[in-house]
Amino acid sequence: MSRGDERTLVQEVEGHLLLAAAREQGRTAAARVADRLGWLTDTQRDDLERHFESEYLAMARTSWRHTADRAEELRHAYESRYRTLRQRLVAWGVLGAALLAAGLLVLAAG
């Protein structure tokens, strides 16, 4: 198995675990809400829990998507800033080397 395949597998497992945790959180929250509504029949309770879990997962996915989009925006911004700083550093390095060479030539000529 290649390194890329391993990384993909790990990401898929992490995704499944994250989804399973979100489902469990949704079920737990749904059960708490349904417990407060003691007058629900078993069918109504099951229906409420199913809808609540579904909505919880939809909200979690939306939140994950927003987080991933923001991370991508930040990555691009930081990469751009890094490139700019690296270019400045190289330019200053070249200028410094040129000034040093010029100084050495002046000293050698004098």
C-alpha atoms as a PDB file:
ATOM      1  CA  MET A   1       0.000   0.000   0.000  1.00  0.00           C
ATOM      2  CA  SER A   2       1.471   3.356  -1.001  1.00  0.00           C
ATOM      3  CA  ARG A   3       1.760   6.350   1.294  1.00  0.00           C
ATOM      4  CA  GLY A   4      -1.012   8.132  -0.622  1.00  0.00           C
ATOM      5  CA  ASP A   5      -3.298   5.109  -0.274  1.00  0.00           C
ATOM      6  CA  GLU A   6      -2.596   4.966   3.454  1.00  0.00           C
ATOM      7  CA  ARG A   7      -3.415   8.642   3.839  1.00  0.00           C
ATOM      8  CA  THR A   8      -6.661   8.224   1.898  1.00  0.00           C
ATOM      9  CA  LEU A   9      -7.624   5.222   4.017  1.00  0.00           C
ATOM     10  CA  VAL A  10      -6.925   7.118   7.242  1.00  0.00           C
ATOM     11  CA  GLN A  11      -8.983  10.091   6.008  1.00  0.00           C
ATOM     12  CA  GLU A  12     -11.884   7.797   5.119  1.00  0.00           C
ATOM     13  CA  VAL A  13     -11.773   6.101   8.531  1.00  0.00           C
ATOM     14  CA  GLU A  14     -11.628   9.499  10.246  1.00  0.00           C
ATOM     15  CA  GLY A  15     -14.620  10.613   8.190  1.00  0.00           C
ATOM     16  CA  HIS A  16     -16.624   7.551   9.148  1.00  0.00           C
ATOM     17  CA  LEU A  17     -15.741   7.983  12.828  1.00  0.00           C
ATOM     18  CA  LEU A  18     -16.668  11.659  12.715  1.00  0.00           C
ATOM     19  CA  LEU A  19     -19.999  10.842  11.083  1.00  0.00           C
ATOM     20  CA  ALA A  20     -20.698   8.056  13.583  1.00  0.00           C
ATOM     21  CA  ALA A  21     -19.956  10.429  16.475  1.00  0.00           C
ATOM     22  CA  ALA A  22     -22.247  13.085  15.006  1.00  0.00           C
ATOM     23  CA  ARG A  23     -25.018  10.520  14.547  1.00  0.00           C
ATOM     24  CA  GLU A  24     -24.669   9.448  18.171  1.00  0.00           C
ATOM     25  CA  GLN A  25     -24.727  13.061  19.343  1.00  0.00           C
ATOM     26  CA  GLY A  26     -27.854  13.643  17.257  1.00  0.00           C
ATOM     27  CA  ARG A  27     -29.538  10.560  18.707  1.00  0.00           C
ATOM     28  CA  THR A  28     -28.632  11.562  22.251  1.00  0.00           C
ATOM     29  CA  ALA A  29     -29.934  15.103  21.764  1.00  0.00           C
ATOM     30  CA  ALA A  30     -33.106  13.770  20.118  1.00  0.00           C
ATOM     31  CA  ALA A  31     -33.728  11.396  23.018  1.00  0.00           C
ATOM     32  CA  ARG A  32     -33.310  14.258  25.509  1.00  0.00           C
ATOM     33  CA  VAL A  33     -35.841  16.372  23.628  1.00  0.00           C
ATOM     34  CA  ALA A  34     -38.275  13.489  23.302  1.00  0.00           C
ATOM     35  CA  ASP A  35     -37.935  12.708  27.023  1.00  0.00           C
ATOM     36  CA  ARG A  36     -39.165  16.229  27.797  1.00  0.00           C
ATOM     37  CA  LEU A  37     -42.261  15.548  25.722  1.00  0.00           C
ATOM     38  CA  GLY A  38     -43.657  12.713  27.798  1.00  0.00           C
ATOM     39  CA  TRP A  39     -47.019  12.828  26.047  1.00  0.00           C
ATOM     40  CA  LEU A  40     -45.585  11.503  22.742  1.00  0.00           C
ATOM     41  CA  THR A  41     -46.600   8.062  21.595  1.00  0.00           C
ATOM     42  CA  ASP A  42     -43.807   5.612  20.719  1.00  0.00           C
ATOM     43  CA  THR A  43     -44.410   6.213  17.008  1.00  0.00           C
ATOM     44  CA  GLN A  44     -44.318   9.975  17.458  1.00  0.00           C
ATOM     45  CA  ARG A  45     -41.205   9.709  19.580  1.00  0.00           C
ATOM     46  CA  ASP A  46     -39.425   7.572  16.977  1.00  0.00           C
ATOM     47  CA  ASP A  47     -40.477   9.992  14.229  1.00  0.00           C
ATOM     48  CA  LEU A  48     -39.295  13.013  16.225  1.00  0.00           C
ATOM     49  CA  GLU A  49     -35.957  11.361  17.022  1.00  0.00           C
ATOM     50  CA  ARG A  50     -35.426  10.366  13.389  1.00  0.00           C
ATOM     51  CA  HIS A  51     -36.172  13.898  12.111  1.00  0.00           C
ATOM     52  CA  PHE A  52     -34.100  15.510  14.845  1.00  0.00           C
ATOM     53  CA  GLU A  53     -31.124  13.278  14.071  1.00  0.00           C
ATOM     54  CA  SER A  54     -31.466  14.036  10.367  1.00  0.00           C
ATOM     55  CA  GLU A  55     -31.524  17.786  10.996  1.00  0.00           C
ATOM     56  CA  TYR A  56     -28.605  17.511  13.410  1.00  0.00           C
ATOM     57  CA  LEU A  57     -26.521  15.724  10.772  1.00  0.00           C
ATOM     58  CA  ALA A  58     -27.468  18.290   8.133  1.00  0.00           C
ATOM     59  CA  MET A  59     -26.347  21.097  10.440  1.00  0.00           C
ATOM     60  CA  ALA A  60     -23.120  19.249  11.265  1.00  0.00           C
ATOM     61  CA  ARG A  61     -22.338  18.737   7.572  1.00  0.00           C
ATOM     62  CA  THR A  62     -23.004  22.404   6.858  1.00  0.00           C
ATOM     63  CA  SER A  63     -20.726  23.386   9.726  1.00  0.00           C
ATOM     64  CA  TRP A  64     -18.000  21.008   8.511  1.00  0.00           C
ATOM     65  CA  ARG A  65     -18.282  22.418   4.993  1.00  0.00           C
ATOM     66  CA  HIS A  66     -17.979  26.001   6.259  1.00  0.00           C
ATOM     67  CA  THR A  67     -14.963  25.014   8.349  1.00  0.00           C
ATOM     68  CA  ALA A  68     -13.300  23.263   5.404  1.00  0.00           C
ATOM     69  CA  ASP A  69     -14.000  26.217   3.095  1.00  0.00           C
ATOM     70  CA  ARG A  70     -12.552  28.665   5.615  1.00  0.00           C
ATOM     71  CA  ALA A  71      -9.488  26.462   6.108  1.00  0.00           C
ATOM     72  CA  GLU A  72      -8.960  26.447   2.348  1.00  0.00           C
ATOM     73  CA  GLU A  73      -9.260  30.256   2.212  1.00  0.00           C
ATOM     74  CA  LEU A  74      -6.743  30.615   5.016  1.00  0.00           C
ATOM     75  CA  ARG A  75      -4.369  28.136   3.391  1.00  0.00           C
ATOM     76  CA  HIS A  76      -4.390  30.147   0.166  1.00  0.00           C
ATOM     77  CA  ALA A  77      -3.890  33.419   2.057  1.00  0.00           C
ATOM     78  CA  TYR A  78      -0.981  32.024   4.077  1.00  0.00           C
ATOM     79  CA  GLU A  79       0.644  30.457   1.022  1.00  0.00           C
ATOM     80  CA  SER A  80       0.401  33.760  -0.830  1.00  0.00           C
ATOM     81  CA  ARG A  81       1.875  35.662   2.099  1.00  0.00           C
ATOM     82  CA  TYR A  82       4.662  33.081   2.453  1.00  0.00           C
ATOM     83  CA  ARG A  83       5.563  33.402  -1.243  1.00  0.00           C
ATOM     84  CA  THR A  84       5.699  37.203  -0.926  1.00  0.00           C
ATOM     85  CA  LEU A  85       7.915  37.051   2.145  1.00  0.00           C
ATOM     86  CA  ARG A  86      10.180  34.465   0.541  1.00  0.00           C
ATOM     87  CA  GLN A  87      10.575  36.659  -2.564  1.00  0.00           C
ATOM     88  CA  ARG A  88      11.461  39.648  -0.385  1.00  0.00           C
ATOM     89  CA  LEU A  89      14.004  37.596   1.546  1.00  0.00           C
ATOM     90  CA  VAL A  90      15.652  36.387  -1.650  1.00  0.00           C
ATOM     91  CA  ALA A  91      15.705  39.941  -3.031  1.00  0.00           C
ATOM     92  CA  TRP A  92      17.311  41.271   0.153  1.00  0.00           C
ATOM     93  CA  GLY A  93      19.804  38.389   0.090  1.00  0.00           C
ATOM     94  CA  VAL A  94      20.782  39.141  -3.506  1.00  0.00           C
ATOM     95  CA  LEU A  95      21.069  42.859  -2.711  1.00  0.00           C
ATOM     96  CA  GLY A  96      23.202  42.108   0.344  1.00  0.00           C
ATOM     97  CA  ALA A  97      25.470  39.802  -1.646  1.00  0.00           C
ATOM     98  CA  ALA A  98      25.817  42.448  -4.384  1.00  0.00           C
ATOM     99  CA  LEU A  99      26.684  45.124  -1.832  1.00  0.00           C
ATOM    100  CA  LEU A 100      29.204  42.827  -0.169  1.00  0.00           C
ATOM    101  CA  ALA A 101      30.795  41.999  -3.521  1.00  0.00           C
ATOM    102  CA  ALA A 102      30.918  45.673  -4.440  1.00  0.00           C
ATOM    103  CA  GLY A 103      32.516  46.514  -1.090  1.00  0.00           C
ATOM    104  CA  LEU A 104      35.120  43.815  -1.520  1.00  0.00           C
ATOM    105  CA  LEU A 105      35.918  45.053  -5.023  1.00  0.00           C
ATOM    106  CA  VAL A 106      36.361  48.606  -3.713  1.00  0.00           C
ATOM    107  CA  LEU A 107      38.663  47.371  -0.949  1.00  0.00           C
ATOM    108  CA  ALA A 108      40.652  45.218  -3.358  1.00  0.00           C
ATOM    109  CA  ALA A 109      41.062  48.108  -5.828  1.00  0.00           C
ATOM    110  CA  GLY A 110      42.107  50.562  -3.151  1.00  0.00           C
END
